[in-house]
Amino acid sequence: MTALDARVLRAVTVLSVAGFGSGLSQRVLDPLLPRLGEDFSAPLAAVSWVITGFSLGYAVSQLFFGPLGDRYGKLRVITWGCGAGSLAAALCAIAPGLHTLVAARVLAGATSAALIPLAMAFIGDAVPYEHRQPVLARFSIGQILGVALGQLLGGLSADFFGRRAPFVLLAAIFALSALLLQPLRAGLDAPATVPVVRTTVADLLREFGHVLRVPWARRVVVAVFLEGAFVLGAFAFFATHLNRMLGISFTLAGSAAMLFGIGGLAFATTARRLLARFGEPGLLRGGALGLLAMMSVVAFAPGVIVVALACFAMGVAFYMLHSTLQTHATQMDPARRGAAVATFALSYFLGQAAGVSAVGWAATHFSTTAVILVAAAGVTLMALDFARARENADR
């Protein structure tokens, strides 16, 4: 099967729809945090658990979905995840209080956990390495749009529609994705790369142990943990930061933050040309320096237009870095690609959970400006170090 196989490209398009729902679910509550605090009479650090809980559910479920995808078929497990994700979104919509909403968000994270990592693993199985990054970028368009529109939809919900509206939309998106995936499974699900035998928790954990024995895999996993903690930990509070600094509505703040996703989309549509021109180390360094500059602009928030442009450029820079890490994740252990990409996602979302929790606490006690600047410095140092290691590995 080649990268140009029409069936694979159709599957990538449908998987991108599921990725849209996953990206929307990840970011839609960011601008809603102050509104949730008012609705539930709770401080920002407490309501931020609706994001932290999602990330934890997503991360822990990687212990199961990656190895299950290797055993039973990646598209099959993704379809199951989409169906369960629709139910979890409905539960979020009807949650009567903060504790029940957090619990439903943990379930939503757990069900979403099958989608992005196993889709990446499917692409890794179906597309040769030299063509893989552009195809991964094409797949990522849905997730990026979800991240972008999640900020806008969250802002509109905070100002006009209320907290339940986004979850009704998510339930419909995941149900549609499951229906579209069902007829594709028979012709495209690759044969199991791990024998289908009785599966125990110990068996699943052993698969992750095999992946982490590879030194380069450990470096990739640490890098993506720090990326999630520094960038997305801070990004969850951008709308709150802009509301405080500039006094703008959450709709406008969410619209500015939405341009982060549009910047990612701009990268996704030019990934092939940028990779050919700059190579992986160039993308890593450009992403690092771009994040440092643009996150610093957002931290000081000199004006709405300047911040909006900075969010766009930050999205380009972030996906220059993240797509390169994703590509390495698909090659960490080809025989256990589902487990390998799940390990990557586990680390990424544990990083997000840790980052959101830390930033939520810090934003309550210190200025959001200082927190964003610290995050910018941290991700820059990580990315430059990874670029150096990448070049040394080629020598």
Foldseek 3Di string as FASTA:
>chain_A
DEPPPPLLLLVLVLLLLLLLLVLLLQQLCLLVQVVLCVVAVHASLLLLLLNLLLLQLLLVLLLPQLQVCLAPFLLVLLLVLLLQLLVLLVQCLPDPHSVSNSVSSSSNSNSSNSRLLSSLLLLLVHYDLVPRLLSNLVSCLSSLLSNLVSLLNSLCCNVPVDDNVVSNVSSVSSVVSSVSSVVSRPPRGDHRLDYNDDDDSVNSVVLLVVLVVQPVLVLLLQLLLLLLQLPLLLLSNLLVQCCVQVVDGSNLSSNLLSLLSVLSNVCSVCVVVVCVVQNLLRLLLQLLVLLLVLLLCSLNPPDSVSNSVSSNSNSNSSNSNVSSSSSVQCVSPVSSSSSSSSSSSSSNSNSNSNNNSVLSVCVVPHPSSVSSNVSSVSSSVSSNVVSVVVVVVVD
